[in-house]
């Protein structure tokens, strides 16, 4: 009986860890994409070079 309970507890903990890793990866990817967009200069109207 204890064996079954420990198996289920381990399975639930394993699923929790996998979900936390997936959510963490999503948050890091989202943060990286926001940071990359924030680092780019603001592109205004295109200008022609004057010579």
C-alpha atoms as a PDB file:
ATOM      1  CA  UNK A   1       0.000   0.000   0.000  1.00  0.00           C
ATOM      2  CA  UNK A   2       2.806   2.406   0.886  1.00  0.00           C
ATOM      3  CA  UNK A   3       4.470   1.509  -2.414  1.00  0.00           C
ATOM      4  CA  UNK A   4       1.394   2.605  -4.380  1.00  0.00           C
ATOM      5  CA  UNK A   5       1.091   5.874  -2.457  1.00  0.00           C
ATOM      6  CA  UNK A   6       4.766   6.736  -2.971  1.00  0.00           C
ATOM      7  CA  UNK A   7       4.475   5.915  -6.677  1.00  0.00           C
ATOM      8  CA  UNK A   8       1.538   8.304  -7.071  1.00  0.00           C
ATOM      9  CA  UNK A   9       3.271  11.020  -5.065  1.00  0.00           C
ATOM     10  CA  UNK A  10       6.373  10.667  -7.235  1.00  0.00           C
ATOM     11  CA  UNK A  11       4.295  10.790 -10.402  1.00  0.00           C
ATOM     12  CA  UNK A  12       2.495  13.949  -9.285  1.00  0.00           C
ATOM     13  CA  UNK A  13       5.790  15.591  -8.316  1.00  0.00           C
ATOM     14  CA  UNK A  14       7.292  14.628 -11.671  1.00  0.00           C
ATOM     15  CA  UNK A  15       4.369  16.120 -13.582  1.00  0.00           C
ATOM     16  CA  UNK A  16       4.627  19.283 -11.473  1.00  0.00           C
ATOM     17  CA  UNK A  17       8.320  19.632 -12.293  1.00  0.00           C
ATOM     18  CA  UNK A  18       7.682  19.118 -16.003  1.00  0.00           C
ATOM     19  CA  UNK A  19       4.919  21.748 -16.030  1.00  0.00           C
ATOM     20  CA  UNK A  20       7.105  24.208 -14.115  1.00  0.00           C
ATOM     21  CA  UNK A  21       9.933  23.707 -16.629  1.00  0.00           C
ATOM     22  CA  UNK A  22       7.571  24.238 -19.557  1.00  0.00           C
ATOM     23  CA  UNK A  23       6.115  27.407 -18.033  1.00  0.00           C
ATOM     24  CA  UNK A  24       9.592  28.696 -17.224  1.00  0.00           C
ATOM     25  CA  UNK A  25      10.747  28.147 -20.792  1.00  0.00           C
ATOM     26  CA  UNK A  26       7.688  29.981 -22.105  1.00  0.00           C
ATOM     27  CA  UNK A  27       8.301  32.925 -19.773  1.00  0.00           C
ATOM     28  CA  UNK A  28      11.978  33.138 -20.748  1.00  0.00           C
ATOM     29  CA  UNK A  29      11.155  33.022 -24.472  1.00  0.00           C
ATOM     30  CA  UNK A  30       8.514  35.725 -24.034  1.00  0.00           C
ATOM     31  CA  UNK A  31      10.934  37.882 -22.049  1.00  0.00           C
ATOM     32  CA  UNK A  32      13.685  37.421 -24.642  1.00  0.00           C
ATOM     33  CA  UNK A  33      11.394  38.450 -27.473  1.00  0.00           C
ATOM     34  CA  UNK A  34      10.316  41.562 -25.562  1.00  0.00           C
ATOM     35  CA  UNK A  35      13.943  42.421 -24.809  1.00  0.00           C
ATOM     36  CA  UNK A  36      14.987  42.000 -28.432  1.00  0.00           C
ATOM     37  CA  UNK A  37      12.178  44.268 -29.573  1.00  0.00           C
ATOM     38  CA  UNK A  38      13.027  46.861 -26.916  1.00  0.00           C
ATOM     39  CA  UNK A  39      16.688  46.942 -27.955  1.00  0.00           C
ATOM     40  CA  UNK A  40      15.988  47.836 -31.581  1.00  0.00           C
ATOM     41  CA  UNK A  41      16.049  51.509 -32.572  1.00  0.00           C
ATOM     42  CA  UNK A  42      12.793  53.155 -33.491  1.00  0.00           C
ATOM     43  CA  UNK A  43      12.511  53.219 -37.270  1.00  0.00           C
ATOM     44  CA  UNK A  44      10.857  56.405 -38.457  1.00  0.00           C
ATOM     45  CA  UNK A  45      10.136  57.669 -41.924  1.00  0.00           C
ATOM     46  CA  UNK A  46      12.616  56.502 -44.568  1.00  0.00           C
ATOM     47  CA  UNK A  47      14.845  59.285 -45.750  1.00  0.00           C
ATOM     48  CA  UNK A  48      16.863  59.646 -48.912  1.00  0.00           C
ATOM     49  CA  UNK A  49      20.516  60.527 -48.551  1.00  0.00           C
ATOM     50  CA  UNK A  50      21.457  64.010 -49.664  1.00  0.00           C
ATOM     51  CA  UNK A  51      24.717  64.357 -51.540  1.00  0.00           C
END
